[in-house]
Protein backbone atom coordinates (compact mmCIF):
# COMPACT_ATOMS: atom_id res chain seq x y z
CA MET A 1 -17.04 10.93 -13.27
CA ILE A 2 -16.61 11.79 -16.92
CA GLY A 3 -13.35 12.41 -18.75
CA ASP A 4 -10.93 11.25 -21.37
CA PRO A 5 -8.81 9.52 -20.17
CA VAL A 6 -10.18 8.22 -16.85
CA ARG A 7 -8.75 4.69 -16.63
CA HIS A 8 -6.10 5.46 -14.02
CA SER A 9 -7.99 8.12 -12.05
CA LEU A 10 -7.78 7.95 -8.26
CA SER A 11 -11.21 9.55 -7.90
CA PRO A 12 -13.23 6.31 -7.63
CA SER A 13 -10.98 5.12 -4.80
CA LEU A 14 -11.31 8.43 -2.97
CA HIS A 15 -15.06 8.79 -3.29
CA ASN A 16 -15.98 5.18 -2.65
CA ALA A 17 -13.88 5.27 0.52
CA ALA A 18 -15.76 8.41 1.55
CA PHE A 19 -19.17 6.88 0.91
CA ALA A 20 -18.22 3.74 2.87
CA ALA A 21 -16.97 5.83 5.81
CA LEU A 22 -20.21 7.83 5.78
CA GLY A 23 -22.31 4.67 5.69
CA LEU A 24 -23.90 5.59 2.37
CA ASP A 25 -25.10 2.97 -0.10
CA TRP A 26 -23.59 4.97 -2.96
CA VAL A 27 -21.08 4.06 -5.65
CA TYR A 28 -18.79 6.28 -7.71
CA VAL A 29 -17.70 5.11 -11.15
CA ALA A 30 -15.59 6.57 -13.94
CA PHE A 31 -17.02 6.80 -17.45
CA HIS A 32 -14.83 7.30 -20.47
CA VAL A 33 -16.62 10.06 -22.38
CA PRO A 34 -14.84 11.27 -25.52
CA GLY A 35 -14.28 14.94 -26.19
CA GLY A 36 -17.34 16.76 -27.49
CA SER A 37 -19.80 14.55 -25.60
CA GLY A 38 -19.80 16.29 -22.23
CA MET A 39 -23.21 17.87 -22.77
CA SER A 40 -24.73 14.47 -23.49
CA ALA A 41 -23.32 13.17 -20.21
CA VAL A 42 -24.97 16.04 -18.30
CA GLU A 43 -28.29 15.16 -19.91
CA ALA A 44 -27.73 11.55 -18.89
CA MET A 45 -27.33 12.76 -15.31
CA ARG A 46 -30.82 14.21 -15.52
CA THR A 47 -32.26 11.13 -17.21
CA LEU A 48 -30.70 8.60 -14.84
CA GLY A 49 -31.09 10.69 -11.69
CA LEU A 50 -27.40 10.53 -10.79
CA ALA A 51 -26.68 12.15 -7.43
CA GLY A 52 -23.59 13.98 -8.63
CA LEU A 53 -21.05 14.25 -11.39
CA SER A 54 -17.31 14.94 -11.40
CA VAL A 55 -15.97 16.48 -14.58
CA THR A 56 -12.39 16.30 -15.74
CA MET A 57 -10.58 17.06 -18.99
CA PRO A 58 -11.58 17.67 -21.72
CA HIS A 59 -15.12 18.51 -20.57
CA LYS A 60 -14.72 21.21 -17.90
CA ALA A 61 -15.65 24.08 -20.22
CA ASP A 62 -18.10 22.15 -22.43
CA VAL A 63 -20.48 21.20 -19.61
CA VAL A 64 -21.01 24.83 -18.54
CA ALA A 65 -23.81 25.23 -21.08
CA GLY A 66 -25.50 22.05 -19.81
CA VAL A 67 -26.15 23.13 -16.22
CA ASP A 68 -28.89 25.47 -15.05
CA ARG A 69 -26.63 27.81 -13.13
CA LEU A 70 -23.05 28.22 -11.98
CA GLY A 71 -21.54 28.72 -8.55
CA SER A 72 -19.46 31.82 -7.88
CA VAL A 73 -16.08 30.25 -8.63
CA ALA A 74 -17.21 28.48 -11.80
CA THR A 75 -18.76 31.74 -13.00
CA ARG A 76 -15.40 33.50 -12.79
CA LEU A 77 -13.37 30.60 -14.20
CA GLY A 78 -15.78 29.52 -16.90
CA VAL A 79 -15.19 25.85 -16.07
CA VAL A 80 -16.88 23.20 -13.93
CA ASN A 81 -15.51 20.13 -12.16
CA THR A 82 -18.53 19.38 -9.94
CA ILE A 83 -22.22 19.11 -10.83
CA SER A 84 -24.90 18.71 -8.19
CA TRP A 85 -28.61 19.13 -7.66
CA ALA A 86 -29.60 22.45 -6.10
CA ARG A 87 -30.66 22.13 -2.47
CA SER A 88 -33.89 23.98 -3.24
CA SER A 89 -34.81 21.99 -6.34
CA ASP A 90 -34.61 18.43 -7.61
CA ARG A 91 -34.64 19.69 -11.19
CA GLU A 92 -31.91 22.32 -11.17
CA LEU A 93 -28.28 21.37 -11.84
CA VAL A 94 -25.53 23.55 -10.42
CA GLY A 95 -21.97 23.61 -11.73
CA GLU A 96 -19.04 24.59 -9.54
CA SER A 97 -15.26 24.19 -9.36
CA THR A 98 -13.59 22.82 -6.21
CA ASP A 99 -10.02 22.63 -7.53
CA GLY A 100 -8.72 25.96 -6.26
CA ALA A 101 -10.40 25.66 -2.88
CA GLY A 102 -8.94 22.17 -2.55
CA PHE A 103 -5.47 23.60 -3.17
CA ILE A 104 -5.89 26.20 -0.44
CA ASP A 105 -7.33 23.60 1.96
CA ALA A 106 -4.27 21.42 1.43
CA LEU A 107 -1.86 24.33 1.69
CA LYS A 108 -3.30 25.70 4.91
CA GLY A 109 -4.75 22.61 6.57
CA ASP A 110 -2.11 20.03 5.72
CA GLU A 111 1.02 22.13 5.37
CA GLY A 112 0.33 25.08 7.66
CA PHE A 113 1.17 27.59 4.94
CA ASP A 114 -1.18 30.58 4.78
CA PRO A 115 -0.90 32.46 1.47
CA ALA A 116 -2.44 35.62 2.92
CA GLY A 117 -0.07 38.51 2.25
CA ARG A 118 2.48 36.24 0.55
CA ARG A 119 4.19 36.75 -2.81
CA CYS A 120 3.12 33.88 -5.07
CA VAL A 121 4.34 32.68 -8.46
CA VAL A 122 2.22 30.31 -10.54
CA LEU A 123 3.91 28.44 -13.38
CA GLY A 124 1.40 27.78 -16.14
CA ALA A 125 -1.74 29.56 -17.30
CA GLY A 126 -3.91 26.57 -18.20
CA GLY A 127 -6.92 25.29 -16.30
CA ALA A 128 -4.97 24.32 -13.17
CA GLY A 129 -3.07 27.60 -13.17
CA ARG A 130 -6.27 29.59 -13.50
CA SER A 131 -7.94 27.76 -10.61
CA VAL A 132 -4.94 28.23 -8.34
CA THR A 133 -4.47 31.89 -9.29
CA LEU A 134 -8.07 32.74 -8.44
CA ALA A 135 -7.95 30.75 -5.21
CA LEU A 136 -4.74 32.43 -4.06
CA ALA A 137 -6.24 35.85 -4.69
CA ASP A 138 -9.41 34.90 -2.79
CA ALA A 139 -7.19 33.69 0.08
CA GLY A 140 -5.62 37.14 0.33
CA ALA A 141 -2.27 36.61 -1.41
CA GLY A 142 -0.20 39.77 -1.51
CA SER A 143 0.70 39.21 -5.15
CA VAL A 144 0.24 36.49 -7.76
CA THR A 145 2.61 36.43 -10.74
CA VAL A 146 1.64 34.05 -13.54
CA VAL A 147 4.43 32.77 -15.76
CA GLY A 148 3.45 31.35 -19.14
CA ARG A 149 4.81 30.89 -22.63
CA LYS A 150 1.79 32.58 -24.19
CA PRO A 151 1.67 36.20 -23.01
CA ASP A 152 -2.06 36.64 -23.67
CA ALA A 153 -3.01 33.50 -21.74
CA ALA A 154 -0.73 34.44 -18.85
CA GLN A 155 -2.21 37.93 -18.69
CA GLN A 156 -5.78 36.63 -18.76
CA CYS A 157 -4.92 34.20 -15.98
CA ALA A 158 -3.29 36.94 -13.91
CA GLU A 159 -6.39 39.12 -14.28
CA LEU A 160 -8.30 36.57 -12.20
CA ALA A 161 -6.26 37.82 -9.23
CA GLY A 162 -7.43 41.39 -9.74
CA ALA A 163 -5.07 44.10 -8.49
CA ALA A 164 -2.77 41.46 -6.99
CA GLY A 165 -2.17 39.77 -10.35
CA SER A 166 0.60 40.24 -12.89
CA SER A 167 2.14 38.14 -15.64
CA ALA A 168 5.68 37.39 -16.73
CA GLU A 169 7.32 35.57 -19.61
CA PRO A 170 9.71 32.67 -18.91
CA GLY A 171 12.66 34.98 -19.55
CA ARG A 172 11.80 36.77 -16.31
CA LEU A 173 11.37 33.60 -14.29
CA GLU A 174 14.57 33.98 -12.26
CA GLU A 175 13.49 37.43 -11.14
CA ALA A 176 10.00 36.19 -10.25
CA VAL A 177 11.30 33.21 -8.26
CA ALA A 178 13.77 35.38 -6.36
CA ALA A 179 10.90 37.54 -5.09
CA ALA A 180 8.53 34.67 -4.28
CA ASP A 181 7.42 33.12 -1.02
CA LEU A 182 5.29 30.45 -2.71
CA LEU A 183 6.07 28.77 -6.03
CA VAL A 184 3.37 26.62 -7.67
CA ASN A 185 3.92 24.34 -10.65
CA ALA A 186 0.65 24.14 -12.57
CA THR A 187 2.24 22.71 -15.73
CA PRO A 188 2.53 19.00 -16.65
CA VAL A 189 6.33 19.24 -16.64
CA GLY A 190 7.56 16.62 -14.22
CA MET A 191 5.10 13.88 -15.07
CA ALA A 192 7.17 12.18 -17.75
CA ALA A 193 10.45 10.37 -17.24
CA GLY A 194 13.34 12.59 -18.23
CA ASP A 195 11.54 15.86 -17.52
CA GLY A 196 13.54 18.70 -16.06
CA LEU A 197 12.25 21.78 -14.27
CA PRO A 198 9.40 23.90 -15.71
CA PHE A 199 10.33 26.65 -18.14
CA GLY A 200 14.04 25.82 -17.88
CA MET A 201 14.24 26.89 -14.23
CA LYS A 202 17.62 26.45 -12.56
CA SER A 203 17.79 24.58 -9.27
CA GLU A 204 20.05 27.25 -7.77
CA TRP A 205 17.19 29.75 -8.02
CA LEU A 206 15.40 27.84 -5.25
CA GLN A 207 16.10 28.91 -1.68
CA SER A 208 15.31 27.50 1.74
CA SER A 209 12.85 30.38 2.24
CA HIS A 210 10.62 29.14 -0.56
CA PHE A 211 7.54 26.97 -0.20
CA VAL A 212 7.17 24.88 -3.37
CA ALA A 213 3.92 23.20 -4.41
CA ASP A 214 3.82 20.91 -7.43
CA LEU A 215 0.27 20.03 -8.52
CA ILE A 216 1.52 16.72 -9.97
CA TYR A 217 1.01 13.75 -7.63
CA ALA A 218 2.30 10.91 -9.82
CA PRO A 219 5.21 10.65 -9.54
CA ALA A 220 5.16 11.74 -5.92
CA ARG A 221 8.68 13.17 -6.22
CA THR A 222 8.88 15.31 -9.32
CA PRO A 223 12.15 16.96 -10.38
CA LEU A 224 10.89 20.23 -8.88
CA VAL A 225 10.08 18.62 -5.52
CA ILE A 226 13.44 16.84 -5.47
CA GLU A 227 15.39 20.00 -6.24
CA ALA A 228 13.41 22.10 -3.79
CA ARG A 229 14.10 19.68 -0.95
CA ALA A 230 17.77 19.50 -1.90
CA ARG A 231 17.94 23.29 -1.52
CA GLY A 232 16.25 23.16 1.89
CA ALA A 233 12.87 24.43 0.71
CA ALA A 234 9.61 23.05 2.04
CA SER A 235 7.74 21.30 -0.75
CA VAL A 236 4.61 19.28 -1.42
CA ASN A 237 3.11 17.42 -4.37
CA GLY A 238 -0.48 17.57 -5.61
CA LEU A 239 -1.99 14.66 -3.69
CA GLY A 240 -3.32 16.88 -0.92
CA MET A 241 -5.06 19.11 -3.44
CA LEU A 242 -6.63 16.07 -5.10
CA ILE A 243 -7.95 14.77 -1.78
CA HIS A 244 -9.29 18.10 -0.57
CA GLN A 245 -11.03 19.04 -3.83
CA ALA A 246 -12.67 15.60 -3.77
CA GLY A 247 -13.62 16.20 -0.13
CA ARG A 248 -15.40 19.39 -1.10
CA GLN A 249 -17.29 17.44 -3.78
CA VAL A 250 -18.42 14.92 -1.18
CA GLU A 251 -19.73 17.73 1.01
CA VAL A 252 -21.59 19.29 -1.93
CA TRP A 253 -23.28 16.01 -2.85
CA THR A 254 -24.02 14.61 0.61
CA GLY A 255 -24.30 17.69 2.82
CA ARG A 256 -21.96 16.00 5.31
CA PRO A 257 -18.33 16.64 6.29
CA ALA A 258 -15.91 14.66 4.15
CA PRO A 259 -14.02 11.82 5.89
CA LEU A 260 -10.63 13.07 4.75
CA GLU A 261 -8.59 10.50 6.68
CA ALA A 262 -10.38 7.62 4.96
CA MET A 263 -10.01 9.31 1.59
CA SER A 264 -6.32 9.92 2.15
CA ALA A 265 -5.73 6.32 3.16
CA ALA A 266 -7.55 5.13 0.03
CA ALA A 267 -5.47 7.40 -2.19
CA LEU A 268 -2.19 6.21 -0.70
CA SER A 269 -3.26 2.58 -1.02
CA ALA A 270 -4.24 3.06 -4.65
CA LEU A 271 -0.93 4.72 -5.46
CA SER A 272 0.97 1.93 -3.70
CA HIS A 273 -0.95 -0.81 -5.51
CA PRO A 274 -1.85 0.57 -8.96
CA SER A 275 -4.17 -1.58 -11.04
CA GLU A 276 -2.65 -3.32 -13.99
């Protein structure tokens, strides 16, 4: 794994638990790679013969030029979080993104919520918002409204959803939430102590009919999750997405089904006993 920062990432715990459960003599380690050096890390993968590479911020866009080809999702997003060797070649590197698919896996498989035909609102038009917007559209969402402070970025994100996509400024958030079945927080608001709700949302806008997904997993109970549950809405944090996107990486690298139960147990253990 390459990124900056990576010190407190759960990914090594997840992947090493997966490799152990699969009986593979593999090890997954996190490398601190400063911004601007992502391409060099991809070349190191070739030189060292690494079996796979996870890519996190700030390298997801930079490494695109370092792979030989992109998967279908990465092509549309223009970012990569997973690099693997092509099945047909031991010299061709393929870049793909598993984030959005991991979100849908968690939503449908863990929570029993199918976004097909549903009205969805995504808060935030950054990398996470873009991945989720595209994944929701691919899953058949009836509509996907992207709310962002920068109108151009929100519109570009919404365009990933094709005819189902639209954008809205924060001033129209109450209207968007009122019409939504699914509300997704893809902003970092909620991670820091003292944070409120994203874009100044009011808790009374949340209803018991909503399903609320916050992509933040630490803390496990963000202000949005707390308020949603207080209003009777079903809600979930981002841990399931993290586990499922990692599970898809395991399948890409090993060609075997991911041991999701072992990965989940490792994630919960790591969160309960964080390293100093």
